[in-house]
Structures are given as C-alpha cells and as structure tokens.
Amino acid sequence: GILYMILKALEFIPLQEIPMQYHRVIKNSCNHLLSLQNEEGNFPMMEGYNVDDLVHWCHGAPGIIPFLLQCYEFYQEDRFLIAAEKAGDLVITKGVVKKGNNLCHGIAGNVYSLFNLYRVTGDEKWKIGGYCMANCTYIKEVQIKCAKHRDPTRKVIGTPDTIYSLMEGRMGLVVMYMDLLTDERMMRFPGYEI
C-alpha cells in the first residue's frame, strides 16, 4: 500500500525533480515485491510466509493488483501488467473466499481487483469475472458455505466481528453494489485507491 501511494504521489512531481537515489529505492522496492509472486500468481502474506492459500484483499493477489497496475502505468513495463493479470487469473479461480462478502478478506474486495484490471486493460474477461464474482455474494449455496466456515479468528462462526463496518462488515458489500450501478471503469477500492 505504501509503494502504491508513493507512485501515485510521483504523478504530481516532474520526474526531473525527483533525486535519482529515490528513483532507485522505489524501483528496487517494486522489483522486490514483484519477485515474491509465486507460480500460481499469489503473493505471500509476509516475506518468508510460504502458505499461499490466502486470496484476500488484505493478504495475497487481490490487494497487490492495484499496485502492480500502478507500476505498469508509471514505469511502462509490461512485466508489471503480466504479473497483475496472473494475479487476476488466480482471483478468478480462487477468489470466492469462504470468509464472506466483505472488502478486506471477502468476495467484495476481490471484485474490485478484477475491475481494476478491466479499467487498465479494457479486457472484457476482467469485467465478466468481476460481475460473476459479485453474483456470488448473493448465491445461497455460497453464502451457506461462508456461514459455516470455521475461522478461529472470529468470535461467532459465519458472522463478521464488526458486522456493519466498511472493511469487514456489510457496509463494504453495500458500497460494492452501489459501485456496480455506475461505470465499471470508475470503480475504486473504497478508502484506498485515488
């Protein structure tokens, strides 16, 4: 998230005014994050953490997609777009997560990552994937699996601890539904993307 914000800020500063050592540090950091992507397209929750089954906005591929797309737009290097699309493919195949519908570690957050890809590439694959994933937020069978998912970090199984919050509760789902009523290319992850 920090590198994403730094790259966004650099859009407002002429490149020749940014000291070269800052460019090197930022680019090396971007390269390092890119090097952490595994074969499947996911990213570890933290460096050295080898469990890669977390496909949530807060942990894994969905949350790093906006960063990779920002790198692609800033540096104009296809490798960042290729990595973002690889992460997007993982979101499509494993992004209907059992923790629920919320933004942080649920289906709604993953919807935003697919629409990020659609906005930058214009590829209908991401738009269709985003809508299909959004549909899962009200398919009864999916919701039953979410409700029965055993998560030791929750106080009550099947219920977010902060049920009405933006990031972990139902409000994030409401915001996602509202965004789906607008132009998909205008969708931005609430409170994060500029």
N, C-alpha and C. Protein backbone atom coordinates (compact mmCIF):
# COMPACT_ATOMS: atom_id res chain seq x y z
N GLY A 1 0.80 -1.19 0.00
CA GLY A 1 0.00 0.00 0.00
C GLY A 1 0.84 1.26 0.00
N ILE A 2 1.95 1.23 0.73
CA ILE A 2 2.79 2.43 0.82
C ILE A 2 3.42 2.74 -0.54
N LEU A 3 3.94 1.72 -1.21
CA LEU A 3 4.54 1.96 -2.53
C LEU A 3 3.51 2.45 -3.54
N TYR A 4 2.30 1.93 -3.45
CA TYR A 4 1.23 2.40 -4.33
C TYR A 4 1.03 3.90 -4.15
N MET A 5 0.94 4.33 -2.89
CA MET A 5 0.72 5.75 -2.61
C MET A 5 1.92 6.61 -3.04
N ILE A 6 3.13 6.09 -2.87
CA ILE A 6 4.31 6.83 -3.33
C ILE A 6 4.26 7.01 -4.84
N LEU A 7 3.93 5.94 -5.57
CA LEU A 7 3.85 6.04 -7.03
C LEU A 7 2.75 7.01 -7.46
N LYS A 8 1.63 7.01 -6.74
CA LYS A 8 0.55 7.96 -7.05
C LYS A 8 1.03 9.39 -6.82
N ALA A 9 1.76 9.62 -5.73
CA ALA A 9 2.27 10.97 -5.42
C ALA A 9 3.25 11.43 -6.49
N LEU A 10 4.05 10.51 -7.01
CA LEU A 10 5.05 10.87 -8.02
C LEU A 10 4.41 11.36 -9.31
N GLU A 11 3.14 11.04 -9.52
CA GLU A 11 2.45 11.53 -10.71
C GLU A 11 2.35 13.06 -10.71
N PHE A 12 2.46 13.67 -9.54
CA PHE A 12 2.29 15.11 -9.41
C PHE A 12 3.61 15.87 -9.35
N ILE A 13 4.71 15.14 -9.47
CA ILE A 13 6.04 15.75 -9.40
C ILE A 13 6.75 15.48 -10.72
N PRO A 14 7.27 16.51 -11.38
CA PRO A 14 8.03 16.26 -12.60
C PRO A 14 9.20 15.31 -12.32
N LEU A 15 9.38 14.33 -13.18
CA LEU A 15 10.41 13.30 -12.97
C LEU A 15 11.80 13.88 -12.75
N GLN A 16 12.13 14.94 -13.47
CA GLN A 16 13.47 15.52 -13.33
C GLN A 16 13.69 16.16 -11.96
N GLU A 17 12.63 16.39 -11.20
CA GLU A 17 12.77 16.98 -9.87
C GLU A 17 12.93 15.93 -8.77
N ILE A 18 12.83 14.67 -9.12
CA ILE A 18 12.96 13.60 -8.13
C ILE A 18 14.41 13.10 -8.16
N PRO A 19 15.11 13.18 -7.01
CA PRO A 19 16.51 12.71 -6.99
C PRO A 19 16.62 11.25 -7.43
N MET A 20 17.69 10.97 -8.16
CA MET A 20 17.89 9.64 -8.74
C MET A 20 17.94 8.54 -7.68
N GLN A 21 18.50 8.83 -6.50
CA GLN A 21 18.58 7.79 -5.47
C GLN A 21 17.18 7.38 -5.01
N TYR A 22 16.22 8.30 -5.03
CA TYR A 22 14.85 7.95 -4.67
C TYR A 22 14.24 7.04 -5.73
N HIS A 23 14.52 7.37 -6.98
CA HIS A 23 14.04 6.52 -8.08
C HIS A 23 14.54 5.08 -7.90
N ARG A 24 15.82 4.95 -7.58
CA ARG A 24 16.41 3.62 -7.43
C ARG A 24 15.77 2.85 -6.28
N VAL A 25 15.59 3.50 -5.15
CA VAL A 25 14.99 2.84 -3.99
C VAL A 25 13.57 2.40 -4.30
N ILE A 26 12.81 3.27 -4.91
CA ILE A 26 11.41 2.95 -5.24
C ILE A 26 11.35 1.81 -6.24
N LYS A 27 12.13 1.90 -7.30
CA LYS A 27 12.12 0.86 -8.34
C LYS A 27 12.60 -0.47 -7.78
N ASN A 28 13.65 -0.45 -6.96
CA ASN A 28 14.14 -1.70 -6.35
C ASN A 28 13.08 -2.31 -5.45
N SER A 29 12.35 -1.49 -4.74
CA SER A 29 11.27 -1.99 -3.87
C SER A 29 10.16 -2.61 -4.71
N CYS A 30 9.81 -1.97 -5.81
CA CYS A 30 8.79 -2.52 -6.71
C CYS A 30 9.26 -3.85 -7.28
N ASN A 31 10.51 -3.90 -7.70
CA ASN A 31 11.06 -5.14 -8.25
C ASN A 31 11.06 -6.26 -7.20
N HIS A 32 11.40 -5.90 -5.97
CA HIS A 32 11.42 -6.91 -4.92
C HIS A 32 10.02 -7.48 -4.68
N LEU A 33 9.03 -6.61 -4.58
CA LEU A 33 7.66 -7.11 -4.39
C LEU A 33 7.25 -8.01 -5.55
N LEU A 34 7.57 -7.61 -6.75
CA LEU A 34 7.24 -8.42 -7.92
C LEU A 34 7.91 -9.79 -7.84
N SER A 35 9.11 -9.85 -7.31
CA SER A 35 9.84 -11.13 -7.22
C SER A 35 9.20 -12.11 -6.25
N LEU A 36 8.30 -11.64 -5.39
CA LEU A 36 7.65 -12.51 -4.41
C LEU A 36 6.46 -13.28 -4.98
N GLN A 37 6.04 -12.94 -6.19
CA GLN A 37 4.89 -13.64 -6.79
C GLN A 37 5.25 -15.09 -7.06
N ASN A 38 4.35 -16.01 -6.66
CA ASN A 38 4.62 -17.43 -6.90
C ASN A 38 4.08 -17.86 -8.26
N GLU A 39 4.29 -19.13 -8.60
CA GLU A 39 3.89 -19.65 -9.91
C GLU A 39 2.39 -19.52 -10.16
N GLU A 40 1.62 -19.65 -9.11
CA GLU A 40 0.16 -19.58 -9.23
C GLU A 40 -0.34 -18.15 -9.41
N GLY A 41 0.49 -17.18 -9.05
CA GLY A 41 0.12 -15.78 -9.20
C GLY A 41 -0.12 -15.08 -7.88
N ASN A 42 0.02 -15.80 -6.78
CA ASN A 42 -0.26 -15.21 -5.47
C ASN A 42 1.00 -14.59 -4.87
N PHE A 43 0.79 -13.84 -3.82
CA PHE A 43 1.87 -13.20 -3.07
C PHE A 43 1.74 -13.62 -1.61
N PRO A 44 2.86 -13.78 -0.91
CA PRO A 44 2.78 -14.19 0.49
C PRO A 44 2.20 -13.09 1.38
N MET A 45 1.62 -13.51 2.48
CA MET A 45 1.07 -12.57 3.45
C MET A 45 2.19 -11.68 4.00
N MET A 46 3.35 -12.27 4.17
CA MET A 46 4.55 -11.54 4.59
C MET A 46 5.75 -12.31 4.03
N GLU A 47 6.85 -11.61 3.90
CA GLU A 47 8.04 -12.26 3.34
C GLU A 47 8.45 -13.44 4.21
N GLY A 48 8.70 -14.58 3.57
CA GLY A 48 9.08 -15.78 4.28
C GLY A 48 7.91 -16.66 4.67
N TYR A 49 6.70 -16.17 4.49
CA TYR A 49 5.49 -16.93 4.82
C TYR A 49 5.11 -17.73 3.59
N ASN A 50 5.23 -19.05 3.66
CA ASN A 50 5.09 -19.88 2.47
C ASN A 50 3.68 -20.38 2.20
N VAL A 51 2.74 -20.17 3.11
CA VAL A 51 1.37 -20.59 2.86
C VAL A 51 0.76 -19.58 1.89
N ASP A 52 0.30 -20.07 0.75
CA ASP A 52 -0.18 -19.13 -0.28
C ASP A 52 -1.65 -19.33 -0.63
N ASP A 53 -2.43 -19.81 0.32
CA ASP A 53 -3.84 -20.05 0.03
C ASP A 53 -4.72 -18.85 0.34
N LEU A 54 -4.14 -17.74 0.78
CA LEU A 54 -4.93 -16.55 1.09
C LEU A 54 -5.08 -15.70 -0.16
N VAL A 55 -6.30 -15.64 -0.67
CA VAL A 55 -6.60 -14.84 -1.85
C VAL A 55 -7.61 -13.77 -1.41
N HIS A 56 -7.12 -12.88 -0.57
CA HIS A 56 -7.94 -11.81 0.01
C HIS A 56 -7.31 -10.47 -0.35
N TRP A 57 -8.11 -9.41 -0.26
CA TRP A 57 -7.57 -8.07 -0.48
C TRP A 57 -6.44 -7.79 0.51
N CYS A 58 -6.63 -8.17 1.75
CA CYS A 58 -5.66 -7.87 2.80
C CYS A 58 -4.46 -8.80 2.78
N HIS A 59 -4.56 -9.95 2.16
CA HIS A 59 -3.45 -10.91 2.09
C HIS A 59 -3.48 -11.57 0.72
N GLY A 60 -2.51 -11.30 -0.09
CA GLY A 60 -2.42 -12.02 -1.35
C GLY A 60 -2.67 -11.18 -2.58
N ALA A 61 -2.93 -11.88 -3.67
CA ALA A 61 -3.00 -11.30 -5.01
C ALA A 61 -3.99 -10.14 -5.17
N PRO A 62 -5.23 -10.24 -4.66
CA PRO A 62 -6.19 -9.17 -4.95
C PRO A 62 -5.73 -7.78 -4.52
N GLY A 63 -5.13 -7.67 -3.35
CA GLY A 63 -4.72 -6.37 -2.85
C GLY A 63 -3.49 -5.79 -3.51
N ILE A 64 -2.70 -6.63 -4.16
CA ILE A 64 -1.48 -6.13 -4.80
C ILE A 64 -1.72 -5.75 -6.27
N ILE A 65 -2.86 -6.15 -6.81
CA ILE A 65 -3.17 -5.83 -8.21
C ILE A 65 -3.14 -4.33 -8.48
N PRO A 66 -3.78 -3.48 -7.66
CA PRO A 66 -3.69 -2.03 -7.95
C PRO A 66 -2.25 -1.51 -7.95
N PHE A 67 -1.42 -2.04 -7.06
CA PHE A 67 -0.02 -1.65 -7.02
C PHE A 67 0.69 -2.04 -8.32
N LEU A 68 0.49 -3.28 -8.76
CA LEU A 68 1.14 -3.74 -9.99
C LEU A 68 0.68 -2.91 -11.19
N LEU A 69 -0.60 -2.58 -11.22
CA LEU A 69 -1.11 -1.76 -12.32
C LEU A 69 -0.55 -0.34 -12.26
N GLN A 70 -0.36 0.17 -11.07
CA GLN A 70 0.25 1.50 -10.92
C GLN A 70 1.71 1.46 -11.38
N CYS A 71 2.42 0.38 -11.05
CA CYS A 71 3.80 0.21 -11.54
C CYS A 71 3.82 0.17 -13.06
N TYR A 72 2.89 -0.57 -13.63
CA TYR A 72 2.80 -0.67 -15.09
C TYR A 72 2.57 0.70 -15.71
N GLU A 73 1.64 1.46 -15.16
CA GLU A 73 1.34 2.77 -15.72
C GLU A 73 2.49 3.76 -15.51
N PHE A 74 3.17 3.66 -14.38
CA PHE A 74 4.25 4.60 -14.07
C PHE A 74 5.52 4.28 -14.85
N TYR A 75 5.92 3.01 -14.84
CA TYR A 75 7.18 2.62 -15.47
C TYR A 75 7.02 2.18 -16.93
N GLN A 76 5.78 1.93 -17.35
CA GLN A 76 5.51 1.47 -18.72
C GLN A 76 6.28 0.19 -19.05
N GLU A 77 6.29 -0.74 -18.08
CA GLU A 77 6.96 -2.03 -18.27
C GLU A 77 5.92 -3.14 -18.22
N ASP A 78 5.84 -3.91 -19.29
CA ASP A 78 4.81 -4.94 -19.42
C ASP A 78 4.87 -6.00 -18.32
N ARG A 79 6.03 -6.23 -17.74
CA ARG A 79 6.15 -7.28 -16.73
C ARG A 79 5.23 -7.03 -15.54
N PHE A 80 4.96 -5.77 -15.23
CA PHE A 80 4.05 -5.47 -14.13
C PHE A 80 2.60 -5.81 -14.52
N LEU A 81 2.24 -5.53 -15.76
CA LEU A 81 0.90 -5.88 -16.24
C LEU A 81 0.74 -7.40 -16.30
N ILE A 82 1.76 -8.08 -16.77
CA ILE A 82 1.71 -9.55 -16.85
C ILE A 82 1.52 -10.14 -15.45
N ALA A 83 2.23 -9.60 -14.47
CA ALA A 83 2.08 -10.08 -13.09
C ALA A 83 0.69 -9.78 -12.55
N ALA A 84 0.15 -8.61 -12.87
CA ALA A 84 -1.20 -8.25 -12.42
C ALA A 84 -2.24 -9.18 -13.03
N GLU A 85 -2.09 -9.50 -14.31
CA GLU A 85 -3.03 -10.41 -14.96
C GLU A 85 -2.92 -11.83 -14.41
N LYS A 86 -1.71 -12.25 -14.09
CA LYS A 86 -1.52 -13.57 -13.48
C LYS A 86 -2.21 -13.60 -12.11
N ALA A 87 -2.08 -12.53 -11.35
CA ALA A 87 -2.77 -12.43 -10.06
C ALA A 87 -4.28 -12.42 -10.28
N GLY A 88 -4.73 -11.72 -11.32
CA GLY A 88 -6.16 -11.68 -11.63
C GLY A 88 -6.72 -13.04 -11.99
N ASP A 89 -5.95 -13.83 -12.72
CA ASP A 89 -6.39 -15.19 -13.04
C ASP A 89 -6.58 -16.01 -11.77
N LEU A 90 -5.69 -15.82 -10.81
CA LEU A 90 -5.83 -16.51 -9.53
C LEU A 90 -7.09 -16.04 -8.80
N VAL A 91 -7.35 -14.75 -8.84
CA VAL A 91 -8.56 -14.21 -8.18
C VAL A 91 -9.81 -14.83 -8.80
N ILE A 92 -9.82 -14.97 -10.12
CA ILE A 92 -10.98 -15.58 -10.78
C ILE A 92 -11.16 -17.03 -10.34
N THR A 93 -10.07 -17.78 -10.24
CA THR A 93 -10.20 -19.20 -9.91
C THR A 93 -10.36 -19.48 -8.42
N LYS A 94 -9.77 -18.64 -7.56
CA LYS A 94 -9.82 -18.93 -6.12
C LYS A 94 -10.33 -17.77 -5.27
N GLY A 95 -10.92 -16.78 -5.91
CA GLY A 95 -11.31 -15.57 -5.19
C GLY A 95 -12.66 -15.58 -4.52
N VAL A 96 -13.44 -16.63 -4.71
CA VAL A 96 -14.70 -16.75 -3.97
C VAL A 96 -14.32 -17.36 -2.63
N VAL A 97 -13.96 -16.49 -1.71
CA VAL A 97 -13.40 -16.93 -0.43
C VAL A 97 -14.49 -17.25 0.58
N LYS A 98 -14.14 -18.10 1.53
CA LYS A 98 -15.12 -18.61 2.50
C LYS A 98 -15.35 -17.67 3.68
N LYS A 99 -14.56 -16.63 3.79
CA LYS A 99 -14.71 -15.74 4.94
C LYS A 99 -15.90 -14.80 4.79
N GLY A 100 -16.50 -14.74 3.61
CA GLY A 100 -17.70 -13.92 3.46
C GLY A 100 -17.62 -12.93 2.33
N ASN A 101 -18.44 -11.90 2.45
CA ASN A 101 -18.63 -10.94 1.36
C ASN A 101 -17.88 -9.63 1.54
N ASN A 102 -17.16 -9.45 2.60
CA ASN A 102 -16.61 -8.13 2.92
C ASN A 102 -15.48 -7.70 2.00
N LEU A 103 -15.02 -6.48 2.18
CA LEU A 103 -13.95 -5.92 1.37
C LEU A 103 -12.58 -6.46 1.75
N CYS A 104 -12.31 -6.55 3.01
CA CYS A 104 -10.96 -6.87 3.48
C CYS A 104 -10.54 -8.28 3.11
N HIS A 105 -11.27 -9.26 3.54
CA HIS A 105 -10.90 -10.65 3.27
C HIS A 105 -12.10 -11.44 2.76
N GLY A 106 -12.87 -10.79 1.90
CA GLY A 106 -14.04 -11.43 1.34
C GLY A 106 -14.17 -11.21 -0.15
N ILE A 107 -15.30 -11.63 -0.66
CA ILE A 107 -15.55 -11.61 -2.10
C ILE A 107 -15.59 -10.19 -2.65
N ALA A 108 -16.20 -9.24 -1.93
CA ALA A 108 -16.35 -7.87 -2.44
C ALA A 108 -15.00 -7.22 -2.75
N GLY A 109 -14.02 -7.42 -1.90
CA GLY A 109 -12.70 -6.85 -2.16
C GLY A 109 -12.08 -7.42 -3.42
N ASN A 110 -12.32 -8.70 -3.66
CA ASN A 110 -11.76 -9.35 -4.85
C ASN A 110 -12.43 -8.85 -6.12
N VAL A 111 -13.70 -8.47 -6.02
CA VAL A 111 -14.41 -7.88 -7.17
C VAL A 111 -13.68 -6.62 -7.63
N TYR A 112 -13.29 -5.79 -6.69
CA TYR A 112 -12.59 -4.55 -7.05
C TYR A 112 -11.28 -4.83 -7.79
N SER A 113 -10.56 -5.86 -7.39
CA SER A 113 -9.29 -6.14 -8.07
C SER A 113 -9.51 -6.50 -9.54
N LEU A 114 -10.60 -7.21 -9.82
CA LEU A 114 -10.89 -7.57 -11.22
C LEU A 114 -11.30 -6.35 -12.03
N PHE A 115 -12.07 -5.46 -11.43
CA PHE A 115 -12.45 -4.25 -12.15
C PHE A 115 -11.27 -3.30 -12.32
N ASN A 116 -10.26 -3.36 -11.45
CA ASN A 116 -9.01 -2.61 -11.66
C ASN A 116 -8.38 -3.06 -12.97
N LEU A 117 -8.30 -4.37 -13.14
CA LEU A 117 -7.71 -4.91 -14.37
C LEU A 117 -8.52 -4.50 -15.59
N TYR A 118 -9.83 -4.53 -15.47
CA TYR A 118 -10.68 -4.11 -16.59
C TYR A 118 -10.44 -2.64 -16.94
N ARG A 119 -10.32 -1.80 -15.93
CA ARG A 119 -10.12 -0.37 -16.16
C ARG A 119 -8.83 -0.11 -16.93
N VAL A 120 -7.77 -0.82 -16.58
CA VAL A 120 -6.47 -0.57 -17.21
C VAL A 120 -6.35 -1.25 -18.57
N THR A 121 -6.86 -2.48 -18.69
CA THR A 121 -6.66 -3.25 -19.92
C THR A 121 -7.81 -3.13 -20.92
N GLY A 122 -9.02 -2.89 -20.42
CA GLY A 122 -10.20 -2.89 -21.29
C GLY A 122 -10.63 -4.30 -21.68
N ASP A 123 -9.97 -5.31 -21.16
CA ASP A 123 -10.28 -6.71 -21.49
C ASP A 123 -11.58 -7.13 -20.79
N GLU A 124 -12.56 -7.54 -21.58
CA GLU A 124 -13.87 -7.94 -21.05
C GLU A 124 -13.79 -9.12 -20.07
N LYS A 125 -12.74 -9.91 -20.18
CA LYS A 125 -12.55 -11.04 -19.27
C LYS A 125 -12.63 -10.59 -17.82
N TRP A 126 -12.01 -9.46 -17.50
CA TRP A 126 -11.98 -8.97 -16.12
C TRP A 126 -13.34 -8.41 -15.70
N LYS A 127 -14.01 -7.77 -16.62
CA LYS A 127 -15.35 -7.24 -16.33
C LYS A 127 -16.32 -8.39 -16.05
N ILE A 128 -16.30 -9.39 -16.91
CA ILE A 128 -17.18 -10.56 -16.72
C ILE A 128 -16.83 -11.27 -15.42
N GLY A 129 -15.53 -11.45 -15.17
CA GLY A 129 -15.10 -12.09 -13.92
C GLY A 129 -15.56 -11.31 -12.70
N GLY A 130 -15.48 -9.99 -12.77
CA GLY A 130 -15.92 -9.15 -11.66
C GLY A 130 -17.41 -9.29 -11.39
N TYR A 131 -18.21 -9.28 -12.45
CA TYR A 131 -19.65 -9.44 -12.27
C TYR A 131 -20.01 -10.84 -11.77
N CYS A 132 -19.34 -11.85 -12.30
CA CYS A 132 -19.60 -13.23 -11.83
C CYS A 132 -19.27 -13.36 -10.35
N MET A 133 -18.15 -12.78 -9.95
CA MET A 133 -17.77 -12.86 -8.54
C MET A 133 -18.76 -12.07 -7.68
N ALA A 134 -19.20 -10.92 -8.16
CA ALA A 134 -20.19 -10.13 -7.41
C ALA A 134 -21.48 -10.93 -7.24
N ASN A 135 -21.85 -11.69 -8.26
CA ASN A 135 -23.06 -12.53 -8.16
C ASN A 135 -22.95 -13.54 -7.03
N CYS A 136 -21.74 -13.99 -6.75
CA CYS A 136 -21.55 -14.98 -5.67
C CYS A 136 -21.91 -14.41 -4.30
N THR A 137 -21.98 -13.10 -4.18
CA THR A 137 -22.30 -12.50 -2.88
C THR A 137 -23.76 -12.70 -2.50
N TYR A 138 -24.56 -13.17 -3.42
CA TYR A 138 -25.96 -13.44 -3.05
C TYR A 138 -26.45 -14.81 -3.51
N ILE A 139 -25.56 -15.68 -3.95
CA ILE A 139 -25.94 -17.06 -4.27
C ILE A 139 -26.03 -17.83 -2.97
N LYS A 140 -27.17 -18.43 -2.74
CA LYS A 140 -27.46 -19.08 -1.46
C LYS A 140 -26.42 -20.11 -1.06
N GLU A 141 -26.01 -20.97 -1.98
CA GLU A 141 -25.07 -22.04 -1.66
C GLU A 141 -23.72 -21.46 -1.20
N VAL A 142 -23.28 -20.41 -1.87
CA VAL A 142 -22.02 -19.77 -1.49
C VAL A 142 -22.14 -19.17 -0.10
N GLN A 143 -23.26 -18.52 0.16
CA GLN A 143 -23.45 -17.88 1.46
C GLN A 143 -23.55 -18.90 2.60
N ILE A 144 -24.13 -20.05 2.31
CA ILE A 144 -24.20 -21.12 3.33
C ILE A 144 -22.79 -21.60 3.67
N LYS A 145 -21.94 -21.79 2.64
CA LYS A 145 -20.56 -22.20 2.88
C LYS A 145 -19.81 -21.15 3.70
N CYS A 146 -20.04 -19.89 3.38
CA CYS A 146 -19.40 -18.81 4.14
C CYS A 146 -19.86 -18.83 5.60
N ALA A 147 -21.15 -19.04 5.80
CA ALA A 147 -21.70 -19.04 7.15
C ALA A 147 -21.17 -20.19 8.00
N LYS A 148 -20.84 -21.30 7.35
CA LYS A 148 -20.37 -22.48 8.09
C LYS A 148 -18.84 -22.56 8.18
N HIS A 149 -18.17 -21.65 7.52
CA HIS A 149 -16.70 -21.69 7.50
C HIS A 149 -16.14 -21.47 8.91
N ARG A 150 -15.31 -22.40 9.33
CA ARG A 150 -14.68 -22.31 10.66
C ARG A 150 -13.45 -21.41 10.56
N ASP A 151 -13.52 -20.34 11.27
CA ASP A 151 -12.42 -19.38 11.28
C ASP A 151 -12.10 -19.08 12.74
N PRO A 152 -10.97 -19.56 13.21
CA PRO A 152 -10.65 -19.38 14.64
C PRO A 152 -10.46 -17.93 15.06
N THR A 153 -10.33 -17.02 14.10
CA THR A 153 -10.15 -15.62 14.46
C THR A 153 -11.47 -14.90 14.71
N ARG A 154 -12.58 -15.55 14.41
CA ARG A 154 -13.89 -14.92 14.61
C ARG A 154 -14.50 -15.29 15.95
N LYS A 155 -15.24 -14.34 16.49
CA LYS A 155 -15.94 -14.59 17.76
C LYS A 155 -17.13 -15.51 17.53
N VAL A 156 -17.86 -15.29 16.43
CA VAL A 156 -19.03 -16.11 16.09
C VAL A 156 -18.83 -16.61 14.66
N ILE A 157 -18.89 -17.93 14.46
CA ILE A 157 -18.70 -18.51 13.12
C ILE A 157 -19.77 -17.97 12.18
N GLY A 158 -19.33 -17.54 10.98
CA GLY A 158 -20.26 -17.07 9.97
C GLY A 158 -20.69 -15.62 10.12
N THR A 159 -20.21 -14.94 11.13
CA THR A 159 -20.60 -13.54 11.36
C THR A 159 -19.34 -12.69 11.54
N PRO A 160 -19.20 -11.63 10.74
CA PRO A 160 -18.04 -10.76 10.94
C PRO A 160 -18.07 -10.15 12.34
N ASP A 161 -16.90 -9.98 12.94
CA ASP A 161 -16.83 -9.38 14.27
C ASP A 161 -17.35 -7.94 14.26
N THR A 162 -17.10 -7.23 13.18
CA THR A 162 -17.60 -5.86 13.05
C THR A 162 -18.59 -5.85 11.88
N ILE A 163 -19.78 -6.30 12.16
CA ILE A 163 -20.76 -6.65 11.14
C ILE A 163 -21.18 -5.50 10.22
N TYR A 164 -21.14 -4.26 10.70
CA TYR A 164 -21.58 -3.15 9.86
C TYR A 164 -20.43 -2.26 9.38
N SER A 165 -19.20 -2.69 9.59
CA SER A 165 -18.07 -1.85 9.20
C SER A 165 -17.84 -1.88 7.69
N LEU A 166 -17.08 -0.90 7.21
CA LEU A 166 -16.77 -0.82 5.79
C LEU A 166 -15.87 -1.97 5.35
N MET A 167 -14.82 -2.24 6.08
CA MET A 167 -13.84 -3.22 5.63
C MET A 167 -14.22 -4.67 5.93
N GLU A 168 -14.78 -4.93 7.09
CA GLU A 168 -15.06 -6.32 7.48
C GLU A 168 -16.54 -6.66 7.52
N GLY A 169 -17.38 -5.69 7.35
CA GLY A 169 -18.81 -5.94 7.50
C GLY A 169 -19.61 -5.72 6.24
N ARG A 170 -20.87 -5.53 6.44
CA ARG A 170 -21.82 -5.42 5.32
C ARG A 170 -21.73 -4.10 4.56
N MET A 171 -21.23 -3.06 5.20
CA MET A 171 -21.18 -1.77 4.51
C MET A 171 -20.30 -1.84 3.26
N GLY A 172 -19.21 -2.57 3.31
CA GLY A 172 -18.36 -2.71 2.13
C GLY A 172 -19.10 -3.37 0.98
N LEU A 173 -19.94 -4.33 1.30
CA LEU A 173 -20.75 -5.00 0.28
C LEU A 173 -21.74 -4.02 -0.34
N VAL A 174 -22.35 -3.19 0.49
CA VAL A 174 -23.29 -2.17 0.01
C VAL A 174 -22.57 -1.21 -0.93
N VAL A 175 -21.38 -0.77 -0.56
CA VAL A 175 -20.61 0.15 -1.40
C VAL A 175 -20.28 -0.52 -2.73
N MET A 176 -19.91 -1.81 -2.69
CA MET A 176 -19.61 -2.52 -3.93
C MET A 176 -20.84 -2.56 -4.84
N TYR A 177 -22.01 -2.88 -4.27
CA TYR A 177 -23.24 -2.90 -5.07
C TYR A 177 -23.51 -1.52 -5.69
N MET A 178 -23.31 -0.47 -4.91
CA MET A 178 -23.52 0.88 -5.44
C MET A 178 -22.55 1.17 -6.57
N ASP A 179 -21.29 0.77 -6.41
CA ASP A 179 -20.31 0.99 -7.47
C ASP A 179 -20.67 0.22 -8.74
N LEU A 180 -21.27 -0.94 -8.60
CA LEU A 180 -21.64 -1.73 -9.77
C LEU A 180 -22.76 -1.08 -10.57
N LEU A 181 -23.46 -0.13 -9.96
CA LEU A 181 -24.51 0.60 -10.67
C LEU A 181 -23.95 1.75 -11.50
N THR A 182 -22.66 2.04 -11.34
CA THR A 182 -22.03 3.12 -12.09
C THR A 182 -21.19 2.53 -13.22
N ASP A 183 -20.42 3.36 -13.87
CA ASP A 183 -19.50 2.90 -14.91
C ASP A 183 -18.39 2.07 -14.24
N GLU A 184 -18.21 0.84 -14.68
CA GLU A 184 -17.24 -0.06 -14.07
C GLU A 184 -15.83 0.51 -14.08
N ARG A 185 -15.54 1.33 -15.06
CA ARG A 185 -14.19 1.90 -15.15
C ARG A 185 -13.94 2.98 -14.10
N MET A 186 -14.99 3.36 -13.39
CA MET A 186 -14.85 4.36 -12.33
C MET A 186 -14.69 3.72 -10.96
N MET A 187 -14.83 2.41 -10.88
CA MET A 187 -14.76 1.73 -9.58
C MET A 187 -13.36 1.85 -8.99
N ARG A 188 -13.31 2.24 -7.73
CA ARG A 188 -12.07 2.33 -6.98
C ARG A 188 -12.30 1.71 -5.62
N PHE A 189 -11.33 0.99 -5.11
CA PHE A 189 -11.46 0.38 -3.79
C PHE A 189 -11.67 1.48 -2.76
N PRO A 190 -12.75 1.39 -1.97
CA PRO A 190 -13.08 2.46 -1.02
C PRO A 190 -11.97 2.73 0.00
N GLY A 191 -11.62 4.00 0.12
CA GLY A 191 -10.64 4.41 1.11
C GLY A 191 -9.20 4.08 0.76
N TYR A 192 -8.96 3.58 -0.44
CA TYR A 192 -7.59 3.19 -0.80
C TYR A 192 -7.16 3.80 -2.12
N GLU A 193 -7.88 3.50 -3.17
CA GLU A 193 -7.45 3.96 -4.48
C GLU A 193 -7.82 5.42 -4.70
N ILE A 194 -6.91 6.10 -5.35
CA ILE A 194 -7.11 7.52 -5.66
C ILE A 194 -7.57 7.63 -7.10
